[in-house]
Amino acid sequence: MPELHLKYFDIRGVAEMSRLLLAAGKLPYTETRFPISVDMGPDGKPDFSTIKRDEFNAAKAAGELKVGAGKVPILVVDGTVEFGQSKAIERYIATIGGMRGANAIEAAQIDQLVEQVIDIKNAYQKSDKGEKWFGEELPAMMTAFEDIVAPAIRDGPITYADIAIYYFFGFFCDNVDATQAALAASPNVLAMSNKAKTNPEIQAYEATRKVTPL
């Protein structure tokens, strides 16, 4: 296995999927976690205009994050190869961790499911996040989701798609209860989420995961 080093902020954020994949794939790694702080607004949500990230800013100014176009996450492989973009990192980890299926067709089916999660995430971010979204829009998207889950992927070993589904429906949306209700009404998608939820390596990681504000 290659030597892996993940660079990101000291939060879950868009690197948490990579951490879950690393855990499920039993892949050892080290991390650089840039300190970050943000004040909470009157609505109880982060006020991103107040972000402080001095160490990240210094690394960026020094040209250390060029491979990520000045952004993180960045994955360093064997101390020599570096690349950015969270989805590229996730797919690489899933590949070396054996979570991209048994062949090219299964890899494409898994990627299709991950892209469906991204479509739902994008729709959620553009929605009113209220009754219409949870009562109409999300259920309609879940019906479509059910129809594209291949039985071999649903019933097979844990994959990248299982973890993507689990992380989005369990942690991303503000209204977790309503999101979980939509998931519960979609047995194929729920079965995939449960593969990640009950994975011993993911459970062990989450039991010792550092508590962060975001």
C-alpha atoms as a PDB file:
ATOM      1  CA  MET A   1       0.000   0.000   0.000  1.00  0.00           C
ATOM      2  CA  PRO A   2       1.243   3.513  -0.725  1.00  0.00           C
ATOM      3  CA  GLU A   3       2.092   5.963   2.023  1.00  0.00           C
ATOM      4  CA  LEU A   4      -0.779   8.455   2.265  1.00  0.00           C
ATOM      5  CA  HIS A   5      -0.860  11.944   3.774  1.00  0.00           C
ATOM      6  CA  LEU A   6      -4.050  14.011   3.745  1.00  0.00           C
ATOM      7  CA  LYS A   7      -3.981  17.810   4.044  1.00  0.00           C
ATOM      8  CA  TYR A   8      -7.161  19.618   5.081  1.00  0.00           C
ATOM      9  CA  PHE A   9      -8.646  21.880   7.724  1.00  0.00           C
ATOM     10  CA  ASP A  10      -9.255  20.658  11.281  1.00  0.00           C
ATOM     11  CA  ILE A  11     -12.914  19.956  10.485  1.00  0.00           C
ATOM     12  CA  ARG A  12     -14.949  17.227   8.826  1.00  0.00           C
ATOM     13  CA  GLY A  13     -15.943  19.220   5.727  1.00  0.00           C
ATOM     14  CA  VAL A  14     -15.312  17.804   2.271  1.00  0.00           C
ATOM     15  CA  ALA A  15     -12.413  15.644   3.490  1.00  0.00           C
ATOM     16  CA  GLU A  16     -14.566  13.541   5.805  1.00  0.00           C
ATOM     17  CA  MET A  17     -15.660  11.273   2.960  1.00  0.00           C
ATOM     18  CA  SER A  18     -11.989  10.546   2.295  1.00  0.00           C
ATOM     19  CA  ARG A  19     -11.424   9.752   5.963  1.00  0.00           C
ATOM     20  CA  LEU A  20     -14.373   7.335   5.966  1.00  0.00           C
ATOM     21  CA  LEU A  21     -13.047   5.666   2.822  1.00  0.00           C
ATOM     22  CA  LEU A  22      -9.588   5.373   4.368  1.00  0.00           C
ATOM     23  CA  ALA A  23     -11.127   3.738   7.429  1.00  0.00           C
ATOM     24  CA  ALA A  24     -13.275   1.300   5.441  1.00  0.00           C
ATOM     25  CA  GLY A  25     -10.349   0.418   3.203  1.00  0.00           C
ATOM     26  CA  LYS A  26      -8.099  -0.203   6.218  1.00  0.00           C
ATOM     27  CA  LEU A  27      -5.604   2.232   4.753  1.00  0.00           C
ATOM     28  CA  PRO A  28      -3.143   3.848   7.192  1.00  0.00           C
ATOM     29  CA  TYR A  29      -2.501   7.546   6.684  1.00  0.00           C
ATOM     30  CA  THR A  30      -1.231  10.687   8.337  1.00  0.00           C
ATOM     31  CA  GLU A  31      -2.746  14.149   8.299  1.00  0.00           C
ATOM     32  CA  THR A  32      -1.948  17.824   8.273  1.00  0.00           C
ATOM     33  CA  ARG A  33      -4.925  19.613   9.815  1.00  0.00           C
ATOM     34  CA  PHE A  34      -4.869  23.380   9.365  1.00  0.00           C
ATOM     35  CA  PRO A  35      -6.472  25.144  12.369  1.00  0.00           C
ATOM     36  CA  ILE A  36      -9.645  27.036  11.476  1.00  0.00           C
ATOM     37  CA  SER A  37     -12.139  29.028  13.512  1.00  0.00           C
ATOM     38  CA  VAL A  38     -15.442  30.654  12.638  1.00  0.00           C
ATOM     39  CA  ASP A  39     -17.950  32.582  14.720  1.00  0.00           C
ATOM     40  CA  MET A  40     -21.546  31.450  14.889  1.00  0.00           C
ATOM     41  CA  GLY A  41     -24.214  33.841  13.605  1.00  0.00           C
ATOM     42  CA  PRO A  42     -27.465  34.735  15.388  1.00  0.00           C
ATOM     43  CA  ASP A  43     -29.203  31.909  13.500  1.00  0.00           C
ATOM     44  CA  GLY A  44     -26.866  29.389  15.089  1.00  0.00           C
ATOM     45  CA  LYS A  45     -25.083  28.733  11.801  1.00  0.00           C
ATOM     46  CA  PRO A  46     -21.432  29.492  10.976  1.00  0.00           C
ATOM     47  CA  ASP A  47     -20.743  33.041   9.814  1.00  0.00           C
ATOM     48  CA  PHE A  48     -18.132  32.299   7.172  1.00  0.00           C
ATOM     49  CA  SER A  49     -17.158  35.962   6.883  1.00  0.00           C
ATOM     50  CA  THR A  50     -15.409  35.517  10.252  1.00  0.00           C
ATOM     51  CA  ILE A  51     -13.166  32.608   9.244  1.00  0.00           C
ATOM     52  CA  LYS A  52      -9.611  32.622  10.614  1.00  0.00           C
ATOM     53  CA  ARG A  53      -7.090  30.182   9.078  1.00  0.00           C
ATOM     54  CA  ASP A  54      -3.653  31.700   9.464  1.00  0.00           C
ATOM     55  CA  GLU A  55      -1.590  28.521   8.943  1.00  0.00           C
ATOM     56  CA  PHE A  56      -3.487  27.679   5.760  1.00  0.00           C
ATOM     57  CA  ASN A  57      -3.014  31.231   4.475  1.00  0.00           C
ATOM     58  CA  ALA A  58       0.719  31.016   5.163  1.00  0.00           C
ATOM     59  CA  ALA A  59       1.028  27.673   3.364  1.00  0.00           C
ATOM     60  CA  LYS A  60      -0.898  29.066   0.405  1.00  0.00           C
ATOM     61  CA  ALA A  61       1.255  32.203   0.257  1.00  0.00           C
ATOM     62  CA  ALA A  62       4.374  30.037   0.342  1.00  0.00           C
ATOM     63  CA  GLY A  63       3.162  28.101  -2.703  1.00  0.00           C
ATOM     64  CA  GLU A  64       2.705  24.857  -0.796  1.00  0.00           C
ATOM     65  CA  LEU A  65      -0.843  24.331  -2.067  1.00  0.00           C
ATOM     66  CA  LYS A  66      -0.286  24.976  -5.777  1.00  0.00           C
ATOM     67  CA  VAL A  67      -1.172  21.415  -6.732  1.00  0.00           C
ATOM     68  CA  GLY A  68      -4.621  22.022  -5.238  1.00  0.00           C
ATOM     69  CA  ALA A  69      -4.987  25.378  -7.016  1.00  0.00           C
ATOM     70  CA  GLY A  70      -4.571  27.018  -3.616  1.00  0.00           C
ATOM     71  CA  LYS A  71      -7.244  24.859  -1.988  1.00  0.00           C
ATOM     72  CA  VAL A  72      -7.485  21.756   0.159  1.00  0.00           C
ATOM     73  CA  PRO A  73      -7.928  18.807   0.477  1.00  0.00           C
ATOM     74  CA  ILE A  74      -4.683  17.582  -1.019  1.00  0.00           C
ATOM     75  CA  LEU A  75      -3.490  13.986  -0.932  1.00  0.00           C
ATOM     76  CA  VAL A  76       0.235  13.203  -0.929  1.00  0.00           C
ATOM     77  CA  VAL A  77       1.153   9.719  -2.145  1.00  0.00           C
ATOM     78  CA  ASP A  78       4.509   8.198  -1.171  1.00  0.00           C
ATOM     79  CA  GLY A  79       5.823  11.662  -0.315  1.00  0.00           C
ATOM     80  CA  THR A  80       6.238  12.575  -3.980  1.00  0.00           C
ATOM     81  CA  VAL A  81       2.926  12.713  -5.867  1.00  0.00           C
ATOM     82  CA  GLU A  82       0.306  15.249  -4.803  1.00  0.00           C
ATOM     83  CA  PHE A  83      -3.148  16.020  -6.149  1.00  0.00           C
ATOM     84  CA  GLY A  84      -6.241  17.915  -5.073  1.00  0.00           C
ATOM     85  CA  GLN A  85     -10.016  17.945  -5.672  1.00  0.00           C
ATOM     86  CA  SER A  86     -12.013  15.991  -3.091  1.00  0.00           C
ATOM     87  CA  LYS A  87     -13.756  13.707  -5.602  1.00  0.00           C
ATOM     88  CA  ALA A  88     -10.486  12.767  -7.302  1.00  0.00           C
ATOM     89  CA  ILE A  89      -9.033  11.940  -3.893  1.00  0.00           C
ATOM     90  CA  GLU A  90     -12.100   9.902  -2.949  1.00  0.00           C
ATOM     91  CA  ARG A  91     -11.986   7.878  -6.160  1.00  0.00           C
ATOM     92  CA  TYR A  92      -8.289   7.169  -5.760  1.00  0.00           C
ATOM     93  CA  ILE A  93      -8.757   5.972  -2.178  1.00  0.00           C
ATOM     94  CA  ALA A  94     -11.768   3.884  -3.168  1.00  0.00           C
ATOM     95  CA  THR A  95      -9.741   2.304  -5.981  1.00  0.00           C
ATOM     96  CA  ILE A  96      -6.725   1.299  -3.900  1.00  0.00           C
ATOM     97  CA  GLY A  97      -9.044   0.257  -1.068  1.00  0.00           C
ATOM     98  CA  GLY A  98     -10.999  -2.134  -3.294  1.00  0.00           C
ATOM     99  CA  MET A  99     -14.267  -0.169  -3.167  1.00  0.00           C
ATOM    100  CA  ARG A 100     -14.835   0.495  -6.884  1.00  0.00           C
ATOM    101  CA  GLY A 101     -16.396  -2.864  -7.788  1.00  0.00           C
ATOM    102  CA  ALA A 102     -15.093  -6.021  -9.438  1.00  0.00           C
ATOM    103  CA  ASN A 103     -14.826  -4.646 -12.972  1.00  0.00           C
ATOM    104  CA  ALA A 104     -15.245  -1.530 -15.125  1.00  0.00           C
ATOM    105  CA  ILE A 105     -19.029  -1.953 -15.349  1.00  0.00           C
ATOM    106  CA  GLU A 106     -19.419  -2.103 -11.577  1.00  0.00           C
ATOM    107  CA  ALA A 107     -17.094   0.890 -11.216  1.00  0.00           C
ATOM    108  CA  ALA A 108     -19.354   2.856 -13.559  1.00  0.00           C
ATOM    109  CA  GLN A 109     -22.481   1.747 -11.666  1.00  0.00           C
ATOM    110  CA  ILE A 110     -20.898   2.832  -8.387  1.00  0.00           C
ATOM    111  CA  ASP A 111     -19.876   6.185  -9.861  1.00  0.00           C
ATOM    112  CA  GLN A 112     -23.437   6.676 -11.149  1.00  0.00           C
ATOM    113  CA  LEU A 113     -24.781   6.281  -7.609  1.00  0.00           C
ATOM    114  CA  VAL A 114     -22.196   8.704  -6.237  1.00  0.00           C
ATOM    115  CA  GLU A 115     -23.191  11.228  -8.906  1.00  0.00           C
ATOM    116  CA  GLN A 116     -26.836  10.783  -7.901  1.00  0.00           C
ATOM    117  CA  VAL A 117     -25.881  11.700  -4.333  1.00  0.00           C
ATOM    118  CA  ILE A 118     -24.143  14.805  -5.699  1.00  0.00           C
ATOM    119  CA  ASP A 119     -27.281  15.714  -7.688  1.00  0.00           C
ATOM    120  CA  ILE A 120     -29.399  15.440  -4.539  1.00  0.00           C
ATOM    121  CA  LYS A 121     -26.866  17.487  -2.578  1.00  0.00           C
ATOM    122  CA  ASN A 122     -26.867  20.232  -5.221  1.00  0.00           C
ATOM    123  CA  ALA A 123     -30.673  20.264  -5.345  1.00  0.00           C
ATOM    124  CA  TYR A 124     -30.828  20.513  -1.559  1.00  0.00           C
ATOM    125  CA  GLN A 125     -28.452  23.474  -1.506  1.00  0.00           C
ATOM    126  CA  LYS A 126     -30.632  25.313  -4.052  1.00  0.00           C
ATOM    127  CA  SER A 127     -33.916  24.438  -2.314  1.00  0.00           C
ATOM    128  CA  ASP A 128     -35.833  26.285   0.408  1.00  0.00           C
ATOM    129  CA  LYS A 129     -34.799  23.436   2.770  1.00  0.00           C
ATOM    130  CA  GLY A 130     -38.345  23.398   4.015  1.00  0.00           C
ATOM    131  CA  GLU A 131     -41.612  21.550   3.547  1.00  0.00           C
ATOM    132  CA  LYS A 132     -41.531  21.501  -0.247  1.00  0.00           C
ATOM    133  CA  TRP A 133     -38.047  20.034  -0.354  1.00  0.00           C
ATOM    134  CA  PHE A 134     -38.648  17.291   2.203  1.00  0.00           C
ATOM    135  CA  GLY A 135     -42.279  16.682   1.255  1.00  0.00           C
ATOM    136  CA  GLU A 136     -42.065  16.713  -2.550  1.00  0.00           C
ATOM    137  CA  GLU A 137     -38.658  17.240  -4.119  1.00  0.00           C
ATOM    138  CA  LEU A 138     -36.551  14.818  -2.075  1.00  0.00           C
ATOM    139  CA  PRO A 139     -39.097  11.948  -2.241  1.00  0.00           C
ATOM    140  CA  ALA A 140     -39.245  12.330  -6.034  1.00  0.00           C
ATOM    141  CA  MET A 141     -35.461  12.180  -6.286  1.00  0.00           C
ATOM    142  CA  MET A 142     -35.392   9.152  -3.983  1.00  0.00           C
ATOM    143  CA  THR A 143     -37.864   7.304  -6.207  1.00  0.00           C
ATOM    144  CA  ALA A 144     -35.515   7.843  -9.133  1.00  0.00           C
ATOM    145  CA  PHE A 145     -32.568   6.805  -6.956  1.00  0.00           C
ATOM    146  CA  GLU A 146     -34.224   3.490  -6.068  1.00  0.00           C
ATOM    147  CA  ASP A 147     -34.528   2.561  -9.730  1.00  0.00           C
ATOM    148  CA  ILE A 148     -30.825   2.893 -10.530  1.00  0.00           C
ATOM    149  CA  VAL A 149     -29.432   0.756  -7.695  1.00  0.00           C
ATOM    150  CA  ALA A 150     -28.026  -2.415  -9.249  1.00  0.00           C
ATOM    151  CA  PRO A 151     -28.711  -5.479  -7.040  1.00  0.00           C
ATOM    152  CA  ALA A 152     -25.091  -6.650  -7.345  1.00  0.00           C
ATOM    153  CA  ILE A 153     -23.846  -3.326  -5.986  1.00  0.00           C
ATOM    154  CA  ARG A 154     -26.520  -3.181  -3.291  1.00  0.00           C
ATOM    155  CA  ASP A 155     -25.828  -6.701  -2.028  1.00  0.00           C
ATOM    156  CA  GLY A 156     -22.070  -6.855  -2.599  1.00  0.00           C
ATOM    157  CA  PRO A 157     -19.110  -5.708  -0.494  1.00  0.00           C
ATOM    158  CA  ILE A 158     -18.899  -2.127   0.774  1.00  0.00           C
ATOM    159  CA  THR A 159     -18.239   0.437  -1.956  1.00  0.00           C
ATOM    160  CA  TYR A 160     -17.560   4.107  -2.492  1.00  0.00           C
ATOM    161  CA  ALA A 161     -21.282   4.584  -3.200  1.00  0.00           C
ATOM    162  CA  ASP A 162     -22.353   3.057   0.124  1.00  0.00           C
ATOM    163  CA  ILE A 163     -20.172   5.513   2.009  1.00  0.00           C
ATOM    164  CA  ALA A 164     -21.298   8.496  -0.078  1.00  0.00           C
ATOM    165  CA  ILE A 165     -24.940   7.663   0.622  1.00  0.00           C
ATOM    166  CA  TYR A 166     -24.303   7.115   4.328  1.00  0.00           C
ATOM    167  CA  TYR A 167     -22.417  10.363   4.794  1.00  0.00           C
ATOM    168  CA  PHE A 168     -24.868  12.556   2.908  1.00  0.00           C
ATOM    169  CA  PHE A 169     -28.055  11.229   4.475  1.00  0.00           C
ATOM    170  CA  GLY A 170     -26.613  10.957   7.966  1.00  0.00           C
ATOM    171  CA  PHE A 171     -24.640  14.138   8.320  1.00  0.00           C
ATOM    172  CA  PHE A 172     -24.977  16.676   5.520  1.00  0.00           C
ATOM    173  CA  CYS A 173     -28.540  18.010   5.695  1.00  0.00           C
ATOM    174  CA  ASP A 174     -29.622  20.262   8.553  1.00  0.00           C
ATOM    175  CA  ASN A 175     -32.843  18.276   9.090  1.00  0.00           C
ATOM    176  CA  VAL A 176     -31.373  14.839   9.682  1.00  0.00           C
ATOM    177  CA  ASP A 177     -34.696  13.345  10.865  1.00  0.00           C
ATOM    178  CA  ALA A 178     -36.523  14.294   7.657  1.00  0.00           C
ATOM    179  CA  THR A 179     -33.613  13.092   5.539  1.00  0.00           C
ATOM    180  CA  GLN A 180     -33.505   9.781   7.380  1.00  0.00           C
ATOM    181  CA  ALA A 181     -37.263   9.387   6.859  1.00  0.00           C
ATOM    182  CA  ALA A 182     -36.739   9.738   3.091  1.00  0.00           C
ATOM    183  CA  LEU A 183     -33.944   7.193   3.292  1.00  0.00           C
ATOM    184  CA  ALA A 184     -36.090   4.749   5.283  1.00  0.00           C
ATOM    185  CA  ALA A 185     -38.735   4.876   2.532  1.00  0.00           C
ATOM    186  CA  SER A 186     -36.133   3.818  -0.052  1.00  0.00           C
ATOM    187  CA  PRO A 187     -35.097   0.226   0.760  1.00  0.00           C
ATOM    188  CA  ASN A 188     -32.405  -0.140  -1.909  1.00  0.00           C
ATOM    189  CA  VAL A 189     -30.671   3.088  -0.945  1.00  0.00           C
ATOM    190  CA  LEU A 190     -31.140   2.339   2.757  1.00  0.00           C
ATOM    191  CA  ALA A 191     -29.467  -1.063   2.348  1.00  0.00           C
ATOM    192  CA  MET A 192     -26.421   0.635   0.886  1.00  0.00           C
ATOM    193  CA  SER A 193     -26.272   3.225   3.644  1.00  0.00           C
ATOM    194  CA  ASN A 194     -26.524   0.484   6.253  1.00  0.00           C
ATOM    195  CA  LYS A 195     -23.477  -1.290   4.804  1.00  0.00           C
ATOM    196  CA  ALA A 196     -21.413   1.759   5.698  1.00  0.00           C
ATOM    197  CA  LYS A 197     -23.225   2.417   8.973  1.00  0.00           C
ATOM    198  CA  THR A 198     -22.489  -1.100  10.246  1.00  0.00           C
ATOM    199  CA  ASN A 199     -18.977  -1.379   8.839  1.00  0.00           C
ATOM    200  CA  PRO A 200     -16.668  -2.203  11.799  1.00  0.00           C
ATOM    201  CA  GLU A 201     -13.825   0.004  10.549  1.00  0.00           C
ATOM    202  CA  ILE A 202     -16.103   3.002  10.060  1.00  0.00           C
ATOM    203  CA  GLN A 203     -17.659   2.421  13.474  1.00  0.00           C
ATOM    204  CA  ALA A 204     -14.209   2.294  15.070  1.00  0.00           C
ATOM    205  CA  TYR A 205     -13.177   5.493  13.287  1.00  0.00           C
ATOM    206  CA  GLU A 206     -16.321   7.342  14.334  1.00  0.00           C
ATOM    207  CA  ALA A 207     -15.956   6.188  17.940  1.00  0.00           C
ATOM    208  CA  THR A 208     -12.587   7.933  18.175  1.00  0.00           C
ATOM    209  CA  ARG A 209     -13.123  10.760  15.654  1.00  0.00           C
ATOM    210  CA  LYS A 210     -11.932  14.134  16.853  1.00  0.00           C
ATOM    211  CA  VAL A 211     -14.810  16.423  17.813  1.00  0.00           C
ATOM    212  CA  THR A 212     -14.748  19.559  15.650  1.00  0.00           C
ATOM    213  CA  PRO A 213     -17.220  22.447  15.249  1.00  0.00           C
ATOM    214  CA  LEU A 214     -17.853  21.714  11.560  1.00  0.00           C
END
